[in-house]
Amino acid sequence: MGNRYYSLDVFRGATVALMILVNNPGSWSHIFGPLMHAPWHGVTPTDLVFPFFLFAVGNAMAFVMPRFEAAGAAEFWKKVIKRTLLIFGIGVLLHWSPFVKWDGENLVGKSWENVRILGVLQRIALCYFFASVIVFYGKTKGAYFVGMVILLLYWFACYALGADGDPYSLQGWFGNPIDIDILGVNHIYKGEGVPFDPEGFMSTPAAIVQVIFGFLVGQYIQLKGKNTDMLSGLLVAGLVLTFTGYCWDLVFPINKKIWTSSYTIYTTGLAILTIGVMIYAIEFKGAKGAWSRFFDVFGKNPLFIFVLSGFLPRVLGMFRWVNETDADGTKHYTSFLPWFYNNLCKPIAADPRVGSLVYALLMIAFYWLIVYILDKKKIYIKV
């Protein structure tokens, strides 16, 4: 294993698995509370998934940054720009996919005019790019300083530029009009009932710091080595950051959708505590087996399987058949995945949330089988 920590791979894989779980319910209308995002302020377990993944991106950066530094600035810029553009481009194409849609009985091209430009992969790309640049040129102390300045400046911007009396609300947050001006209302997410993008440009700065913190923790783990001092330091740091984020919430609410600075601090603390527990269990106590291998394979092809979990349902939705026909001749269509949920998962229990969860778990099992086969064949799709 060398200086590599298996527990970090398991952490990343578990995060990817949970991302797939919360993004693939049988029905968006029937979801258990912990698998839903907080309506606005606050945190649910689901709200931990994305920041944990960005934190894991930073962890991985700690292992590759020495190679970037040894290769020089030209090689660094070449690789970072290439990876950023690939991830961002894949995210845009995923939103545009499968590039056609049904218009009544006809299959027509899906217009670019209403394609959402930003999203999860696009935020990962932007955070990876800026965090890489900050770490490469700022080194450890500089990256920490820049990260803290970003969090404080973002707090100031939200308070000073937001609506008087309610600067942290959906209507009062300063960043939304700017995102709309930059992207255009047609390219903005509208899941909140109004044009508002939770992965917009203006809420990205604090998310960048999430990656920086992940790098700092990954570097700390490497430098300290596998010993109780390292583990104690992790647990103390995790507790301090979690408590700090909780206190900051009193004046700057913890909020994923505008990715507040308190949210970054709070979720970073929880991520450190989680990694600390995993390191103790796996690296110190050897508590690994089928459960860790289950998550490990997700971590070996993380971006590929996340993209596939978003792309495959869209493609399968193009293959449809008539489910029923009204007396007036109106046809109602279905496709494989809705049919699978309605006929095999939904009837499992009277509570429709149970069937929706069973469907999501079966999707996890299906995508796990794919990454398991890829791992057995030593196929790792890198971006």
Protein backbone atom coordinates (compact mmCIF):
# COMPACT_ATOMS: atom_id res chain seq x y z
CA MET A 1 0.00 0.00 0.00
CA GLY A 2 2.98 2.32 0.51
CA ASN A 3 1.81 5.72 1.69
CA ARG A 4 -1.65 5.06 0.36
CA TYR A 5 -4.49 4.68 2.84
CA TYR A 6 -7.07 2.09 1.85
CA SER A 7 -9.58 3.83 4.13
CA LEU A 8 -9.45 6.95 1.92
CA ASP A 9 -10.36 4.84 -1.10
CA VAL A 10 -13.28 3.32 0.82
CA PHE A 11 -14.40 6.80 1.90
CA ARG A 12 -14.43 8.01 -1.71
CA GLY A 13 -16.24 4.90 -2.91
CA ALA A 14 -18.89 5.15 -0.19
CA THR A 15 -19.48 8.78 -1.13
CA VAL A 16 -19.97 7.88 -4.80
CA ALA A 17 -22.37 5.08 -3.85
CA LEU A 18 -24.42 7.48 -1.75
CA MET A 19 -24.46 10.04 -4.58
CA ILE A 20 -25.99 7.39 -6.83
CA LEU A 21 -28.45 6.35 -4.11
CA VAL A 22 -29.88 9.82 -3.49
CA ASN A 23 -30.01 10.64 -7.22
CA ASN A 24 -31.95 7.53 -8.24
CA PRO A 25 -35.13 7.09 -6.17
CA GLY A 26 -38.01 5.17 -7.63
CA SER A 27 -40.14 8.29 -7.29
CA TRP A 28 -39.10 11.82 -6.41
CA SER A 29 -42.48 12.20 -4.72
CA HIS A 30 -41.85 9.37 -2.25
CA ILE A 31 -38.52 9.69 -0.44
CA PHE A 32 -37.58 9.16 3.21
CA GLY A 33 -36.55 12.39 4.93
CA PRO A 34 -32.82 11.57 5.35
CA LEU A 35 -32.58 10.99 1.58
CA MET A 36 -33.92 14.45 0.77
CA HIS A 37 -32.03 17.74 0.72
CA ALA A 38 -32.90 20.33 3.36
CA PRO A 39 -35.54 22.70 1.91
CA TRP A 40 -33.19 25.67 2.46
CA HIS A 41 -31.18 26.18 5.67
CA GLY A 42 -30.01 23.11 7.56
CA VAL A 43 -28.45 19.77 6.74
CA THR A 44 -29.71 16.25 6.12
CA PRO A 45 -27.50 13.19 5.51
CA THR A 46 -28.05 13.78 1.78
CA ASP A 47 -26.55 17.26 2.10
CA LEU A 48 -23.27 15.68 3.25
CA VAL A 49 -22.70 13.65 0.09
CA PHE A 50 -21.52 16.35 -2.33
CA PRO A 51 -19.16 18.14 0.10
CA PHE A 52 -17.73 14.77 1.13
CA PHE A 53 -16.97 14.03 -2.51
CA LEU A 54 -15.25 17.38 -3.01
CA PHE A 55 -13.30 16.70 0.18
CA ALA A 56 -12.26 13.34 -1.31
CA VAL A 57 -11.12 15.15 -4.48
CA GLY A 58 -8.82 17.19 -2.25
CA ASN A 59 -7.55 14.06 -0.51
CA ALA A 60 -6.58 12.57 -3.86
CA MET A 61 -4.91 15.84 -4.84
CA ALA A 62 -2.56 15.49 -1.88
CA PHE A 63 -1.14 12.32 -3.43
CA VAL A 64 -0.69 13.67 -6.98
CA MET A 65 0.45 17.24 -6.22
CA PRO A 66 4.05 16.18 -5.50
CA ARG A 67 4.20 14.71 -9.01
CA PHE A 68 2.82 17.94 -10.47
CA GLU A 69 5.44 19.95 -8.60
CA ALA A 70 8.22 17.65 -9.80
CA ALA A 71 7.02 17.86 -13.42
CA GLY A 72 6.93 21.66 -13.43
CA ALA A 73 4.39 24.39 -14.12
CA ALA A 74 3.93 23.65 -17.83
CA GLU A 75 2.99 20.02 -17.21
CA PHE A 76 0.80 21.05 -14.27
CA TRP A 77 -1.23 23.50 -16.38
CA LYS A 78 -1.53 21.02 -19.24
CA LYS A 79 -2.95 18.24 -17.07
CA VAL A 80 -5.17 20.40 -14.87
CA ILE A 81 -6.72 22.33 -17.75
CA LYS A 82 -7.30 19.14 -19.74
CA ARG A 83 -8.99 17.39 -16.80
CA THR A 84 -11.06 20.46 -15.94
CA LEU A 85 -12.38 20.85 -19.48
CA LEU A 86 -13.13 17.13 -19.78
CA ILE A 87 -15.12 16.96 -16.55
CA PHE A 88 -16.95 20.23 -17.25
CA GLY A 89 -17.72 19.18 -20.83
CA ILE A 90 -18.98 15.76 -19.75
CA GLY A 91 -21.28 17.47 -17.25
CA VAL A 92 -22.78 19.73 -19.93
CA LEU A 93 -23.20 16.84 -22.37
CA LEU A 94 -24.84 14.77 -19.63
CA HIS A 95 -27.49 17.47 -19.18
CA TRP A 96 -27.98 17.67 -22.94
CA SER A 97 -28.11 13.90 -23.40
CA PRO A 98 -29.55 11.88 -24.98
CA PHE A 99 -29.79 14.81 -27.45
CA VAL A 100 -33.27 13.80 -28.60
CA LYS A 101 -36.69 13.75 -26.95
CA TRP A 102 -40.20 12.61 -27.69
CA ASP A 103 -42.59 15.26 -28.96
CA GLY A 104 -45.85 13.35 -29.06
CA GLU A 105 -45.30 10.59 -31.60
CA ASN A 106 -42.14 12.10 -33.03
CA LEU A 107 -38.54 11.95 -31.91
CA VAL A 108 -36.97 15.41 -32.26
CA GLY A 109 -33.62 16.95 -31.45
CA LYS A 110 -33.16 18.37 -27.96
CA SER A 111 -32.43 22.07 -28.39
CA TRP A 112 -29.37 23.64 -26.75
CA GLU A 113 -31.51 26.66 -25.84
CA ASN A 114 -32.83 25.08 -22.64
CA VAL A 115 -29.86 22.94 -21.57
CA ARG A 116 -28.61 23.60 -18.05
CA ILE A 117 -24.96 24.66 -18.22
CA LEU A 118 -23.89 24.09 -14.63
CA GLY A 119 -24.34 21.07 -12.38
CA VAL A 120 -22.54 18.60 -10.12
CA LEU A 121 -19.78 17.61 -12.53
CA GLN A 122 -19.27 21.20 -13.62
CA ARG A 123 -18.84 22.26 -9.99
CA ILE A 124 -16.38 19.43 -9.42
CA ALA A 125 -14.40 20.64 -12.44
CA LEU A 126 -14.31 24.28 -11.32
CA CYS A 127 -13.43 23.41 -7.72
CA TYR A 128 -10.71 21.02 -8.86
CA PHE A 129 -9.20 23.66 -11.14
CA PHE A 130 -9.10 26.57 -8.71
CA ALA A 131 -8.08 24.44 -5.73
CA SER A 132 -5.26 22.90 -7.78
CA VAL A 133 -3.96 26.34 -8.78
CA ILE A 134 -4.18 27.68 -5.22
CA VAL A 135 -2.38 24.63 -3.79
CA PHE A 136 0.27 24.49 -6.54
CA TYR A 137 1.32 28.11 -6.13
CA GLY A 138 0.34 28.76 -2.52
CA LYS A 139 1.68 25.52 -1.02
CA THR A 140 0.29 24.41 2.33
CA LYS A 141 0.33 27.68 4.29
CA GLY A 142 -0.74 29.78 1.32
CA ALA A 143 -3.63 27.43 0.47
CA TYR A 144 -4.87 27.51 4.07
CA PHE A 145 -4.67 31.31 4.17
CA VAL A 146 -6.41 31.76 0.80
CA GLY A 147 -9.11 29.27 1.83
CA MET A 148 -9.91 31.17 5.02
CA VAL A 149 -9.95 34.50 3.18
CA ILE A 150 -12.38 33.08 0.60
CA LEU A 151 -14.75 31.89 3.31
CA LEU A 152 -14.71 35.26 5.09
CA LEU A 153 -15.08 37.27 1.89
CA TYR A 154 -17.99 35.11 0.76
CA TRP A 155 -19.70 35.69 4.11
CA PHE A 156 -19.16 39.44 3.73
CA ALA A 157 -20.49 39.39 0.15
CA CYS A 158 -23.61 37.45 1.12
CA TYR A 159 -24.34 39.84 4.00
CA ALA A 160 -23.39 43.13 2.37
CA LEU A 161 -24.81 42.51 -1.08
CA GLY A 162 -27.88 40.52 -0.08
CA ALA A 163 -31.36 41.86 0.58
CA ASP A 164 -31.76 43.95 3.71
CA GLY A 165 -33.12 41.89 6.56
CA ASP A 166 -32.95 38.55 4.78
CA PRO A 167 -29.68 38.26 2.81
CA TYR A 168 -29.48 34.47 3.03
CA SER A 169 -32.91 33.64 1.60
CA LEU A 170 -33.63 32.38 -1.90
CA GLN A 171 -35.02 35.77 -2.86
CA GLY A 172 -32.42 37.78 -0.94
CA TRP A 173 -29.19 35.99 -1.85
CA PHE A 174 -26.98 38.28 -3.92
CA GLY A 175 -25.62 35.63 -6.27
CA ASN A 176 -28.79 34.55 -8.05
CA PRO A 177 -29.28 37.65 -10.26
CA ILE A 178 -25.60 37.50 -11.21
CA ASP A 179 -25.79 33.81 -12.18
CA ILE A 180 -28.88 34.53 -14.28
CA ASP A 181 -27.14 37.44 -16.02
CA ILE A 182 -24.10 35.26 -16.81
CA LEU A 183 -25.87 32.07 -17.85
CA GLY A 184 -29.24 33.27 -19.09
CA VAL A 185 -32.50 32.19 -17.52
CA ASN A 186 -32.96 29.32 -20.02
CA HIS A 187 -29.74 27.66 -18.86
CA ILE A 188 -30.52 27.89 -15.14
CA TYR A 189 -31.92 25.11 -12.92
CA LYS A 190 -35.55 25.72 -11.97
CA GLY A 191 -36.16 22.98 -9.41
CA GLU A 192 -36.85 25.53 -6.67
CA GLY A 193 -39.84 26.86 -8.61
CA VAL A 194 -37.87 29.88 -9.81
CA PRO A 195 -34.65 30.21 -11.83
CA PHE A 196 -31.91 29.40 -9.30
CA ASP A 197 -28.87 27.19 -9.73
CA PRO A 198 -27.54 25.47 -6.58
CA GLU A 199 -24.31 24.81 -8.49
CA GLY A 200 -24.09 28.37 -9.82
CA PHE A 201 -20.90 30.39 -10.23
CA MET A 202 -21.51 32.67 -7.28
CA SER A 203 -21.88 29.86 -4.72
CA THR A 204 -18.76 28.07 -5.96
CA PRO A 205 -16.03 29.89 -3.93
CA ALA A 206 -16.80 28.19 -0.61
CA ALA A 207 -17.01 24.83 -2.40
CA ILE A 208 -13.47 25.40 -3.72
CA VAL A 209 -12.32 25.65 -0.11
CA GLN A 210 -13.86 22.22 0.54
CA VAL A 211 -11.31 20.76 -1.90
CA ILE A 212 -8.49 22.78 -0.31
CA PHE A 213 -9.37 21.42 3.11
CA GLY A 214 -9.46 17.92 1.67
CA PHE A 215 -5.94 18.47 0.31
CA LEU A 216 -4.67 19.78 3.66
CA VAL A 217 -6.08 16.76 5.51
CA GLY A 218 -4.70 14.33 2.93
CA GLN A 219 -1.28 15.94 3.18
CA TYR A 220 -1.44 15.85 6.98
CA ILE A 221 -2.23 12.13 6.94
CA GLN A 222 0.70 11.47 4.62
CA LEU A 223 3.22 13.53 6.56
CA LYS A 224 2.25 12.31 10.03
CA GLY A 225 2.12 8.64 9.08
CA LYS A 226 -0.02 5.89 10.51
CA ASN A 227 0.11 6.51 14.25
CA THR A 228 -2.09 7.56 17.14
CA ASP A 229 -0.84 11.17 17.04
CA MET A 230 -2.12 11.51 13.48
CA LEU A 231 -5.45 9.96 14.38
CA SER A 232 -5.84 12.12 17.49
CA GLY A 233 -5.09 15.23 15.46
CA LEU A 234 -7.73 14.27 12.90
CA LEU A 235 -10.41 13.68 15.50
CA VAL A 236 -9.65 16.93 17.34
CA ALA A 237 -9.66 18.91 14.08
CA GLY A 238 -12.93 17.28 13.06
CA LEU A 239 -14.59 18.15 16.36
CA VAL A 240 -13.29 21.73 16.30
CA LEU A 241 -14.45 22.37 12.74
CA THR A 242 -17.86 20.77 13.31
CA PHE A 243 -18.38 22.89 16.43
CA THR A 244 -17.13 26.02 14.64
CA GLY A 245 -19.49 25.44 11.73
CA TYR A 246 -22.36 24.90 14.16
CA CYS A 247 -21.58 28.18 15.94
CA TRP A 248 -21.14 30.08 12.65
CA ASP A 249 -24.58 28.82 11.67
CA LEU A 250 -26.03 31.20 14.27
CA VAL A 251 -25.04 34.21 12.13
CA PHE A 252 -24.39 32.66 8.70
CA PRO A 253 -26.82 29.75 8.27
CA ILE A 254 -25.57 26.35 7.16
CA ASN A 255 -26.98 26.04 3.65
CA LYS A 256 -25.99 23.71 0.83
CA LYS A 257 -27.91 25.47 -1.93
CA ILE A 258 -25.88 28.67 -1.61
CA TRP A 259 -22.93 26.70 -0.15
CA THR A 260 -22.35 28.99 2.80
CA SER A 261 -18.99 29.21 4.55
CA SER A 262 -20.50 27.68 7.69
CA TYR A 263 -21.66 24.75 5.55
CA THR A 264 -18.11 24.24 4.26
CA ILE A 265 -16.64 24.29 7.77
CA TYR A 266 -19.35 22.09 9.28
CA THR A 267 -19.30 19.41 6.57
CA THR A 268 -15.50 19.42 6.47
CA GLY A 269 -15.50 18.68 10.19
CA LEU A 270 -17.90 15.79 9.70
CA ALA A 271 -15.84 14.48 6.77
CA ILE A 272 -12.67 14.53 8.90
CA LEU A 273 -14.45 12.69 11.72
CA THR A 274 -15.74 10.10 9.24
CA ILE A 275 -12.29 9.56 7.75
CA GLY A 276 -10.81 9.38 11.23
CA VAL A 277 -13.22 6.63 12.23
CA MET A 278 -12.53 4.77 8.97
CA ILE A 279 -8.77 5.00 9.46
CA TYR A 280 -9.11 3.70 13.00
CA ALA A 281 -11.37 0.83 11.95
CA ILE A 282 -9.57 -0.16 8.73
CA GLU A 283 -5.92 0.83 9.15
CA PHE A 284 -5.57 0.33 12.92
CA LYS A 285 -8.01 -2.48 13.66
CA GLY A 286 -8.04 -4.22 10.27
CA ALA A 287 -11.84 -4.17 10.15
CA LYS A 288 -12.14 -4.61 6.42
CA GLY A 289 -13.84 -7.23 4.35
CA ALA A 290 -16.85 -7.52 2.08
CA TRP A 291 -18.26 -4.17 3.21
CA SER A 292 -15.08 -2.26 2.44
CA ARG A 293 -14.56 -4.05 -0.88
CA PHE A 294 -18.14 -3.17 -1.84
CA PHE A 295 -17.38 0.54 -1.54
CA ASP A 296 -13.80 0.28 -2.75
CA VAL A 297 -14.78 -0.66 -6.30
CA PHE A 298 -16.99 2.44 -6.56
CA GLY A 299 -13.95 4.51 -5.63
CA LYS A 300 -11.84 3.03 -8.43
CA ASN A 301 -14.11 4.32 -11.22
CA PRO A 302 -15.90 7.19 -9.45
CA LEU A 303 -16.60 9.69 -12.21
CA PHE A 304 -17.36 7.03 -14.81
CA ILE A 305 -20.01 5.28 -12.72
CA PHE A 306 -21.54 8.59 -11.59
CA VAL A 307 -21.87 9.72 -15.21
CA LEU A 308 -23.26 6.34 -16.26
CA SER A 309 -25.87 6.48 -13.48
CA GLY A 310 -27.09 9.79 -14.91
CA PHE A 311 -26.80 8.90 -18.58
CA LEU A 312 -28.27 5.38 -18.69
CA PRO A 313 -31.76 6.25 -17.35
CA ARG A 314 -32.03 9.05 -19.94
CA VAL A 315 -31.17 6.68 -22.77
CA LEU A 316 -33.49 3.93 -21.55
CA GLY A 317 -36.28 6.50 -21.32
CA MET A 318 -36.14 6.89 -25.10
CA PHE A 319 -37.31 3.28 -25.56
CA ARG A 320 -40.98 3.38 -24.67
CA TRP A 321 -44.22 1.58 -25.34
CA VAL A 322 -47.92 2.31 -24.95
CA ASN A 323 -48.97 1.59 -21.38
CA GLU A 324 -52.64 2.44 -21.79
CA THR A 325 -54.97 4.24 -24.19
CA ASP A 326 -57.82 6.51 -23.12
CA ALA A 327 -61.30 6.26 -24.60
CA ASP A 328 -60.56 9.29 -26.75
CA GLY A 329 -57.51 7.57 -28.20
CA THR A 330 -54.92 9.42 -26.12
CA LYS A 331 -51.92 7.18 -25.58
CA HIS A 332 -49.93 6.99 -22.34
CA TYR A 333 -46.39 5.66 -22.61
CA THR A 334 -43.97 4.04 -20.22
CA SER A 335 -40.40 2.81 -20.43
CA PHE A 336 -38.40 0.12 -18.68
CA LEU A 337 -37.31 1.86 -15.47
CA PRO A 338 -40.72 3.40 -14.62
CA TRP A 339 -42.33 0.05 -15.43
CA PHE A 340 -39.81 -1.74 -13.21
CA TYR A 341 -40.52 0.62 -10.30
CA ASN A 342 -44.31 0.66 -10.62
CA ASN A 343 -44.74 -3.09 -11.13
CA LEU A 344 -41.97 -4.65 -9.06
CA CYS A 345 -40.80 -2.16 -6.42
CA LYS A 346 -43.80 0.01 -5.55
CA PRO A 347 -46.11 -2.92 -4.61
CA ILE A 348 -43.61 -4.21 -2.00
CA ALA A 349 -45.13 -2.13 0.82
CA ALA A 350 -48.10 0.11 1.50
CA ASP A 351 -45.73 2.99 2.17
CA PRO A 352 -44.57 4.10 -1.31
CA ARG A 353 -41.31 5.38 0.17
CA VAL A 354 -40.27 1.78 0.83
CA GLY A 355 -40.66 0.80 -2.80
CA SER A 356 -38.83 3.95 -3.87
CA LEU A 357 -35.92 3.08 -1.56
CA VAL A 358 -35.84 -0.54 -2.76
CA TYR A 359 -35.60 0.72 -6.33
CA ALA A 360 -32.68 3.01 -5.38
CA LEU A 361 -30.89 0.14 -3.61
CA LEU A 362 -31.35 -2.11 -6.64
CA MET A 363 -29.84 0.64 -8.79
CA ILE A 364 -26.85 0.71 -6.42
CA ALA A 365 -26.51 -3.06 -6.81
CA PHE A 366 -26.70 -2.80 -10.59
CA TYR A 367 -24.03 -0.11 -10.85
CA TRP A 368 -21.90 -1.94 -8.29
CA LEU A 369 -21.93 -5.00 -10.55
CA ILE A 370 -20.60 -2.84 -13.39
CA VAL A 371 -17.72 -1.37 -11.38
CA TYR A 372 -17.00 -4.79 -9.86
CA ILE A 373 -16.59 -6.32 -13.33
CA LEU A 374 -14.40 -3.40 -14.40
CA ASP A 375 -12.24 -3.86 -11.32
CA LYS A 376 -11.89 -7.60 -11.90
CA LYS A 377 -10.71 -6.84 -15.42
CA LYS A 378 -8.40 -4.08 -14.13
CA ILE A 379 -10.21 -1.47 -16.22
CA TYR A 380 -10.06 1.98 -14.66
CA ILE A 381 -11.56 4.83 -16.65
CA LYS A 382 -9.70 8.00 -15.77
CA VAL A 383 -10.67 11.54 -16.70
